[in-house]
Amino acid sequence: MVNCAGPRAANIAELAGLTLPMRNTHGVVACTSPVAVWISHVVHAPHVHLRPDGGGRLLLHTPRIDGAAIDERRSAADTVLADASALYPGLTGATLESVRAGERPIPADGLPVLGRVSTPPWPPSASSDSRSDRCYGVAAIQRKSRITE
């Protein structure tokens, strides 16, 4: 089972009789124009987090702008783009195509939820705030399941 219900992951787990402690937060992310910088994994630098977003674009985030008011989001996102450009000079000249706000699914302890549910017959499961964490986690769980069963 892969729980991809995002901010409602705990509700879906509850339908299966399971408890998934979550502490969802409101967040703001910025999407760049296509850039020449190739990133294949999530990057957590001190002032900015980057992840690939398809089509040569990057998704940028920092907790510093999560609480930004609607009218402040664009200028806060410009600051994140400047931080990303300082980290990767190849981003200089990139623009922001969008600034998105939403609810981020965060497990209560801040760590991805990956592994088997202790009560059979439930298969391996994965929940986190990152699509890439889930993909890699599920692949690792499936690989280990085939080895140990």
N, C-alpha and C. Protein backbone atom coordinates (compact mmCIF):
# COMPACT_ATOMS: atom_id res chain seq x y z
N MET A 1 0.85 -1.17 0.00
CA MET A 1 0.00 0.00 0.00
C MET A 1 0.90 1.23 0.00
N VAL A 2 0.65 2.14 -0.89
CA VAL A 2 1.34 3.41 -0.89
C VAL A 2 0.28 4.47 -0.63
N ASN A 3 0.41 5.16 0.46
CA ASN A 3 -0.55 6.18 0.86
C ASN A 3 -0.10 7.50 0.24
N CYS A 4 -0.74 7.89 -0.84
CA CYS A 4 -0.39 9.13 -1.54
C CYS A 4 -1.48 10.18 -1.36
N ALA A 5 -2.08 10.22 -0.19
CA ALA A 5 -3.19 11.13 0.07
C ALA A 5 -2.73 12.49 0.56
N GLY A 6 -1.43 12.73 0.55
CA GLY A 6 -0.91 14.04 0.94
C GLY A 6 -1.39 14.45 2.31
N PRO A 7 -1.96 15.65 2.41
CA PRO A 7 -2.39 16.15 3.72
C PRO A 7 -3.49 15.31 4.37
N ARG A 8 -4.11 14.43 3.61
CA ARG A 8 -5.17 13.57 4.16
C ARG A 8 -4.69 12.14 4.39
N ALA A 9 -3.37 11.93 4.44
CA ALA A 9 -2.81 10.60 4.64
C ALA A 9 -3.30 9.95 5.93
N ALA A 10 -3.42 10.72 7.00
CA ALA A 10 -3.89 10.16 8.27
C ALA A 10 -5.33 9.69 8.15
N ASN A 11 -6.17 10.42 7.40
CA ASN A 11 -7.57 10.02 7.20
C ASN A 11 -7.65 8.69 6.46
N ILE A 12 -6.82 8.52 5.42
CA ILE A 12 -6.83 7.28 4.65
C ILE A 12 -6.32 6.12 5.51
N ALA A 13 -5.26 6.36 6.27
CA ALA A 13 -4.75 5.32 7.17
C ALA A 13 -5.82 4.90 8.17
N GLU A 14 -6.57 5.86 8.66
CA GLU A 14 -7.64 5.57 9.62
C GLU A 14 -8.71 4.66 9.02
N LEU A 15 -9.01 4.82 7.73
CA LEU A 15 -9.98 3.96 7.06
C LEU A 15 -9.53 2.50 7.09
N ALA A 16 -8.22 2.29 7.14
CA ALA A 16 -7.66 0.94 7.19
C ALA A 16 -7.43 0.48 8.63
N GLY A 17 -7.89 1.29 9.60
CA GLY A 17 -7.71 0.92 11.00
C GLY A 17 -6.32 1.22 11.54
N LEU A 18 -5.58 2.08 10.86
CA LEU A 18 -4.21 2.39 11.25
C LEU A 18 -4.12 3.84 11.74
N THR A 19 -3.12 4.11 12.54
CA THR A 19 -2.87 5.47 13.03
C THR A 19 -1.61 6.00 12.36
N LEU A 20 -1.72 7.15 11.76
CA LEU A 20 -0.57 7.80 11.13
C LEU A 20 -0.49 9.22 11.68
N PRO A 21 0.36 9.43 12.70
CA PRO A 21 0.44 10.77 13.31
C PRO A 21 1.05 11.78 12.34
N MET A 22 0.30 12.83 12.06
CA MET A 22 0.74 13.87 11.14
C MET A 22 0.67 15.23 11.82
N ARG A 23 1.51 16.16 11.37
CA ARG A 23 1.45 17.57 11.81
C ARG A 23 1.56 18.43 10.55
N ASN A 24 0.52 18.43 9.76
CA ASN A 24 0.52 19.17 8.50
C ASN A 24 0.80 20.65 8.75
N THR A 25 1.47 21.27 7.80
CA THR A 25 1.76 22.70 7.89
C THR A 25 1.33 23.37 6.59
N HIS A 26 1.19 24.68 6.64
CA HIS A 26 0.91 25.44 5.42
C HIS A 26 2.24 25.89 4.85
N GLY A 27 2.41 25.73 3.56
CA GLY A 27 3.70 26.05 2.96
C GLY A 27 3.55 26.81 1.66
N VAL A 28 4.65 27.42 1.24
CA VAL A 28 4.73 28.17 -0.01
C VAL A 28 5.92 27.62 -0.79
N VAL A 29 5.72 27.30 -2.06
CA VAL A 29 6.79 26.86 -2.93
C VAL A 29 6.80 27.72 -4.18
N ALA A 30 7.95 27.83 -4.80
CA ALA A 30 8.10 28.62 -6.03
C ALA A 30 8.64 27.71 -7.12
N CYS A 31 8.10 27.84 -8.32
CA CYS A 31 8.52 27.03 -9.45
C CYS A 31 9.28 27.93 -10.43
N THR A 32 10.49 27.51 -10.80
CA THR A 32 11.31 28.31 -11.71
C THR A 32 10.93 28.07 -13.17
N SER A 33 11.41 28.94 -14.01
CA SER A 33 11.38 28.71 -15.45
C SER A 33 12.37 27.58 -15.73
N PRO A 34 12.34 26.95 -16.92
CA PRO A 34 13.34 25.93 -17.24
C PRO A 34 14.76 26.50 -17.09
N VAL A 35 15.63 25.72 -16.45
CA VAL A 35 16.99 26.17 -16.18
C VAL A 35 18.00 25.13 -16.67
N ALA A 36 19.24 25.56 -16.82
CA ALA A 36 20.31 24.68 -17.31
C ALA A 36 20.93 23.86 -16.18
N VAL A 37 20.50 24.08 -14.95
CA VAL A 37 21.04 23.33 -13.80
C VAL A 37 20.26 22.03 -13.68
N TRP A 38 20.97 20.90 -13.72
CA TRP A 38 20.31 19.61 -13.61
C TRP A 38 20.41 19.10 -12.18
N ILE A 39 19.28 18.88 -11.55
CA ILE A 39 19.22 18.33 -10.19
C ILE A 39 18.32 17.10 -10.25
N SER A 40 18.83 15.98 -9.76
CA SER A 40 18.04 14.74 -9.83
C SER A 40 17.48 14.32 -8.47
N HIS A 41 17.91 14.98 -7.41
CA HIS A 41 17.46 14.63 -6.06
C HIS A 41 17.04 15.88 -5.31
N VAL A 42 16.40 15.68 -4.19
CA VAL A 42 16.05 16.79 -3.32
C VAL A 42 17.35 17.32 -2.69
N VAL A 43 17.51 18.64 -2.68
CA VAL A 43 18.67 19.28 -2.07
C VAL A 43 18.18 20.13 -0.90
N HIS A 44 18.67 19.83 0.30
CA HIS A 44 18.32 20.60 1.49
C HIS A 44 19.55 21.40 1.91
N ALA A 45 19.64 22.63 1.42
CA ALA A 45 20.73 23.53 1.81
C ALA A 45 20.22 24.38 2.98
N PRO A 46 21.10 25.09 3.67
CA PRO A 46 20.66 25.86 4.85
C PRO A 46 19.54 26.86 4.61
N HIS A 47 19.54 27.56 3.46
CA HIS A 47 18.54 28.61 3.25
C HIS A 47 17.49 28.28 2.21
N VAL A 48 17.66 27.18 1.50
CA VAL A 48 16.72 26.86 0.42
C VAL A 48 16.72 25.35 0.17
N HIS A 49 15.55 24.83 -0.18
CA HIS A 49 15.41 23.43 -0.57
C HIS A 49 15.03 23.43 -2.04
N LEU A 50 15.65 22.55 -2.82
CA LEU A 50 15.37 22.45 -4.25
C LEU A 50 15.02 21.02 -4.60
N ARG A 51 14.15 20.87 -5.58
CA ARG A 51 13.85 19.55 -6.11
C ARG A 51 13.46 19.69 -7.56
N PRO A 52 13.70 18.66 -8.38
CA PRO A 52 13.30 18.74 -9.79
C PRO A 52 11.78 18.78 -9.88
N ASP A 53 11.27 19.53 -10.87
CA ASP A 53 9.81 19.66 -11.03
C ASP A 53 9.38 19.36 -12.46
N GLY A 54 10.25 18.77 -13.27
CA GLY A 54 9.90 18.40 -14.64
C GLY A 54 10.11 19.54 -15.62
N GLY A 55 10.40 19.19 -16.84
CA GLY A 55 10.58 20.19 -17.89
C GLY A 55 11.74 21.13 -17.65
N GLY A 56 12.74 20.71 -16.88
CA GLY A 56 13.89 21.56 -16.59
C GLY A 56 13.62 22.58 -15.49
N ARG A 57 12.46 22.51 -14.88
CA ARG A 57 12.11 23.46 -13.81
C ARG A 57 12.52 22.91 -12.46
N LEU A 58 12.67 23.81 -11.49
CA LEU A 58 12.96 23.42 -10.12
C LEU A 58 11.87 23.96 -9.22
N LEU A 59 11.59 23.22 -8.17
CA LEU A 59 10.67 23.67 -7.14
C LEU A 59 11.52 24.11 -5.96
N LEU A 60 11.32 25.33 -5.50
CA LEU A 60 12.12 25.92 -4.42
C LEU A 60 11.25 26.10 -3.18
N HIS A 61 11.85 25.85 -2.03
CA HIS A 61 11.12 26.02 -0.77
C HIS A 61 12.07 26.42 0.33
N THR A 62 11.57 27.17 1.27
CA THR A 62 12.24 27.42 2.54
C THR A 62 11.16 27.66 3.58
N PRO A 63 11.34 27.14 4.78
CA PRO A 63 10.34 27.37 5.83
C PRO A 63 10.18 28.87 6.15
N ARG A 64 11.18 29.68 5.80
CA ARG A 64 11.11 31.11 6.12
C ARG A 64 9.94 31.81 5.45
N ILE A 65 9.43 31.28 4.33
CA ILE A 65 8.32 31.97 3.65
C ILE A 65 6.98 31.28 3.84
N ASP A 66 6.95 30.19 4.60
CA ASP A 66 5.71 29.44 4.76
C ASP A 66 4.57 30.26 5.35
N GLY A 67 4.88 31.18 6.23
CA GLY A 67 3.83 31.98 6.84
C GLY A 67 3.56 33.30 6.14
N ALA A 68 4.13 33.50 4.97
CA ALA A 68 3.99 34.79 4.26
C ALA A 68 2.54 35.06 3.89
N ALA A 69 2.13 36.30 4.11
CA ALA A 69 0.79 36.72 3.72
C ALA A 69 0.67 36.67 2.20
N ILE A 70 -0.54 36.57 1.71
CA ILE A 70 -0.78 36.44 0.26
C ILE A 70 -0.06 37.53 -0.53
N ASP A 71 -0.13 38.77 -0.07
CA ASP A 71 0.48 39.87 -0.82
C ASP A 71 2.00 39.92 -0.68
N GLU A 72 2.57 39.12 0.21
CA GLU A 72 4.03 39.10 0.42
C GLU A 72 4.68 37.88 -0.22
N ARG A 73 3.90 36.94 -0.71
CA ARG A 73 4.46 35.67 -1.20
C ARG A 73 5.42 35.85 -2.37
N ARG A 74 5.08 36.71 -3.31
CA ARG A 74 5.93 36.88 -4.50
C ARG A 74 7.29 37.43 -4.10
N SER A 75 7.34 38.46 -3.26
CA SER A 75 8.64 39.01 -2.86
C SER A 75 9.41 38.01 -2.00
N ALA A 76 8.70 37.24 -1.17
CA ALA A 76 9.37 36.20 -0.37
C ALA A 76 9.94 35.12 -1.29
N ALA A 77 9.20 34.75 -2.33
CA ALA A 77 9.68 33.75 -3.28
C ALA A 77 10.88 34.26 -4.07
N ASP A 78 10.90 35.56 -4.39
CA ASP A 78 12.07 36.14 -5.06
C ASP A 78 13.31 36.00 -4.20
N THR A 79 13.15 36.11 -2.88
CA THR A 79 14.27 35.93 -1.95
C THR A 79 14.78 34.49 -2.01
N VAL A 80 13.86 33.53 -2.10
CA VAL A 80 14.25 32.12 -2.19
C VAL A 80 14.99 31.86 -3.50
N LEU A 81 14.54 32.48 -4.58
CA LEU A 81 15.23 32.33 -5.87
C LEU A 81 16.64 32.91 -5.77
N ALA A 82 16.80 34.03 -5.09
CA ALA A 82 18.14 34.61 -4.90
C ALA A 82 19.02 33.66 -4.09
N ASP A 83 18.45 33.05 -3.05
CA ASP A 83 19.21 32.07 -2.25
C ASP A 83 19.62 30.86 -3.09
N ALA A 84 18.70 30.39 -3.94
CA ALA A 84 19.00 29.25 -4.81
C ALA A 84 20.09 29.61 -5.81
N SER A 85 20.04 30.84 -6.35
CA SER A 85 21.05 31.30 -7.31
C SER A 85 22.41 31.43 -6.66
N ALA A 86 22.44 31.79 -5.38
CA ALA A 86 23.71 31.86 -4.65
C ALA A 86 24.29 30.46 -4.47
N LEU A 87 23.43 29.47 -4.29
CA LEU A 87 23.86 28.08 -4.13
C LEU A 87 24.31 27.50 -5.46
N TYR A 88 23.52 27.74 -6.52
CA TYR A 88 23.81 27.25 -7.87
C TYR A 88 23.85 28.44 -8.82
N PRO A 89 25.03 28.99 -9.10
CA PRO A 89 25.13 30.17 -9.98
C PRO A 89 24.48 29.97 -11.35
N GLY A 90 24.30 28.73 -11.79
CA GLY A 90 23.64 28.46 -13.05
C GLY A 90 22.17 28.88 -13.05
N LEU A 91 21.62 29.17 -11.89
CA LEU A 91 20.24 29.64 -11.79
C LEU A 91 20.11 31.15 -12.00
N THR A 92 21.24 31.85 -12.05
CA THR A 92 21.21 33.29 -12.27
C THR A 92 20.48 33.57 -13.58
N GLY A 93 19.52 34.44 -13.53
CA GLY A 93 18.73 34.76 -14.71
C GLY A 93 17.43 33.97 -14.80
N ALA A 94 17.28 32.95 -13.96
CA ALA A 94 16.03 32.19 -13.94
C ALA A 94 14.92 33.10 -13.41
N THR A 95 13.71 32.81 -13.82
CA THR A 95 12.55 33.56 -13.31
C THR A 95 11.62 32.58 -12.61
N LEU A 96 10.66 33.14 -11.90
CA LEU A 96 9.66 32.31 -11.24
C LEU A 96 8.42 32.25 -12.11
N GLU A 97 8.00 31.05 -12.45
CA GLU A 97 6.78 30.89 -13.24
C GLU A 97 5.54 30.88 -12.38
N SER A 98 5.69 30.40 -11.14
CA SER A 98 4.54 30.39 -10.24
C SER A 98 4.97 30.34 -8.80
N VAL A 99 4.11 30.80 -7.94
CA VAL A 99 4.28 30.71 -6.50
C VAL A 99 3.01 30.04 -5.99
N ARG A 100 3.19 28.90 -5.33
CA ARG A 100 2.03 28.10 -4.90
C ARG A 100 1.99 27.99 -3.38
N ALA A 101 0.80 28.04 -2.85
CA ALA A 101 0.61 27.86 -1.41
C ALA A 101 -0.31 26.67 -1.21
N GLY A 102 -0.06 25.90 -0.16
CA GLY A 102 -0.91 24.75 0.11
C GLY A 102 -0.57 24.12 1.44
N GLU A 103 -1.20 23.00 1.70
CA GLU A 103 -0.97 22.27 2.93
C GLU A 103 0.07 21.18 2.67
N ARG A 104 1.11 21.17 3.51
CA ARG A 104 2.19 20.19 3.35
C ARG A 104 1.97 19.03 4.32
N PRO A 105 1.98 17.79 3.82
CA PRO A 105 1.82 16.63 4.70
C PRO A 105 3.15 16.29 5.38
N ILE A 106 3.22 16.52 6.66
CA ILE A 106 4.45 16.27 7.41
C ILE A 106 4.17 15.23 8.50
N PRO A 107 4.86 14.08 8.49
CA PRO A 107 4.71 13.13 9.60
C PRO A 107 5.08 13.81 10.92
N ALA A 108 4.45 13.39 12.01
CA ALA A 108 4.59 14.06 13.31
C ALA A 108 6.05 14.22 13.74
N ASP A 109 6.90 13.22 13.45
CA ASP A 109 8.29 13.31 13.88
C ASP A 109 9.18 13.98 12.84
N GLY A 110 8.59 14.40 11.70
CA GLY A 110 9.35 15.08 10.67
C GLY A 110 10.08 14.15 9.71
N LEU A 111 10.02 12.86 9.95
CA LEU A 111 10.72 11.88 9.11
C LEU A 111 9.74 11.18 8.19
N PRO A 112 10.20 10.73 7.01
CA PRO A 112 9.31 9.97 6.13
C PRO A 112 8.83 8.69 6.82
N VAL A 113 7.61 8.29 6.52
CA VAL A 113 7.06 7.04 7.05
C VAL A 113 7.27 5.99 5.97
N LEU A 114 8.17 5.06 6.22
CA LEU A 114 8.50 4.02 5.25
C LEU A 114 8.61 2.68 5.97
N GLY A 115 7.95 1.67 5.46
CA GLY A 115 8.12 0.35 6.04
C GLY A 115 6.84 -0.42 6.15
N ARG A 116 6.95 -1.57 6.77
CA ARG A 116 5.79 -2.45 6.94
C ARG A 116 4.96 -2.00 8.13
N VAL A 117 3.65 -2.19 8.00
CA VAL A 117 2.76 -2.00 9.13
C VAL A 117 2.88 -3.26 9.97
N SER A 118 2.93 -3.10 11.29
CA SER A 118 3.24 -4.25 12.15
C SER A 118 2.16 -5.33 12.16
N THR A 119 0.91 -4.98 11.83
CA THR A 119 -0.17 -5.95 11.87
C THR A 119 -0.47 -6.49 10.48
N PRO A 120 -0.28 -7.81 10.24
CA PRO A 120 -0.63 -8.37 8.94
C PRO A 120 -2.13 -8.18 8.70
N PRO A 121 -2.61 -8.17 7.49
CA PRO A 121 -1.94 -8.53 6.25
C PRO A 121 -1.45 -7.30 5.49
N TRP A 122 -1.24 -6.19 6.13
CA TRP A 122 -0.90 -4.95 5.44
C TRP A 122 0.48 -5.02 4.80
N PRO A 123 0.57 -4.63 3.53
CA PRO A 123 1.87 -4.60 2.84
C PRO A 123 2.67 -3.37 3.23
N PRO A 124 3.88 -3.22 2.70
CA PRO A 124 4.69 -2.04 3.00
C PRO A 124 3.96 -0.75 2.63
N SER A 125 4.26 0.33 3.35
CA SER A 125 3.63 1.61 3.05
C SER A 125 4.65 2.73 3.11
N ALA A 126 4.30 3.87 2.55
CA ALA A 126 5.20 5.02 2.54
C ALA A 126 4.38 6.30 2.54
N SER A 127 4.75 7.26 3.41
CA SER A 127 4.14 8.58 3.42
C SER A 127 5.21 9.60 3.78
N SER A 128 5.23 10.72 3.08
CA SER A 128 6.16 11.80 3.38
C SER A 128 5.69 13.03 2.64
N ASP A 129 6.40 14.14 2.82
CA ASP A 129 6.01 15.35 2.09
C ASP A 129 6.72 15.43 0.74
N SER A 130 7.45 14.39 0.36
CA SER A 130 8.23 14.45 -0.87
C SER A 130 7.92 13.27 -1.77
N ARG A 131 7.52 13.56 -3.02
CA ARG A 131 7.25 12.48 -3.98
C ARG A 131 8.48 11.61 -4.16
N SER A 132 9.66 12.21 -4.22
CA SER A 132 10.86 11.43 -4.47
C SER A 132 11.18 10.53 -3.29
N ASP A 133 10.94 10.99 -2.04
CA ASP A 133 11.14 10.12 -0.89
C ASP A 133 10.28 8.88 -1.01
N ARG A 134 9.02 9.07 -1.40
CA ARG A 134 8.11 7.93 -1.51
C ARG A 134 8.58 6.98 -2.60
N CYS A 135 8.97 7.50 -3.74
CA CYS A 135 9.40 6.63 -4.84
C CYS A 135 10.60 5.79 -4.45
N TYR A 136 11.62 6.43 -3.88
CA TYR A 136 12.81 5.69 -3.48
C TYR A 136 12.49 4.75 -2.33
N GLY A 137 11.66 5.20 -1.40
CA GLY A 137 11.30 4.38 -0.25
C GLY A 137 10.53 3.14 -0.66
N VAL A 138 9.56 3.30 -1.52
CA VAL A 138 8.77 2.16 -1.97
C VAL A 138 9.64 1.17 -2.72
N ALA A 139 10.52 1.67 -3.56
CA ALA A 139 11.42 0.77 -4.30
C ALA A 139 12.29 -0.01 -3.32
N ALA A 140 12.80 0.65 -2.30
CA ALA A 140 13.65 -0.03 -1.31
C ALA A 140 12.85 -1.06 -0.52
N ILE A 141 11.61 -0.71 -0.15
CA ILE A 141 10.77 -1.64 0.60
C ILE A 141 10.45 -2.86 -0.25
N GLN A 142 10.08 -2.64 -1.51
CA GLN A 142 9.75 -3.76 -2.38
C GLN A 142 10.95 -4.66 -2.60
N ARG A 143 12.13 -4.06 -2.78
CA ARG A 143 13.35 -4.84 -2.99
C ARG A 143 13.61 -5.70 -1.75
N LYS A 144 13.52 -5.11 -0.56
CA LYS A 144 13.79 -5.84 0.68
C LYS A 144 12.73 -6.92 0.89
N SER A 145 11.46 -6.63 0.57
CA SER A 145 10.41 -7.62 0.73
C SER A 145 10.68 -8.86 -0.10
N ARG A 146 11.15 -8.66 -1.33
CA ARG A 146 11.44 -9.81 -2.20
C ARG A 146 12.61 -10.62 -1.64
N ILE A 147 13.53 -9.95 -1.00
CA ILE A 147 14.71 -10.64 -0.47
C ILE A 147 14.36 -11.43 0.78
N THR A 148 13.49 -10.87 1.65
CA THR A 148 13.23 -11.49 2.95
C THR A 148 12.05 -12.44 2.95
N GLU A 149 11.26 -12.49 1.88
CA GLU A 149 10.08 -13.37 1.89
C GLU A 149 10.33 -14.65 1.12
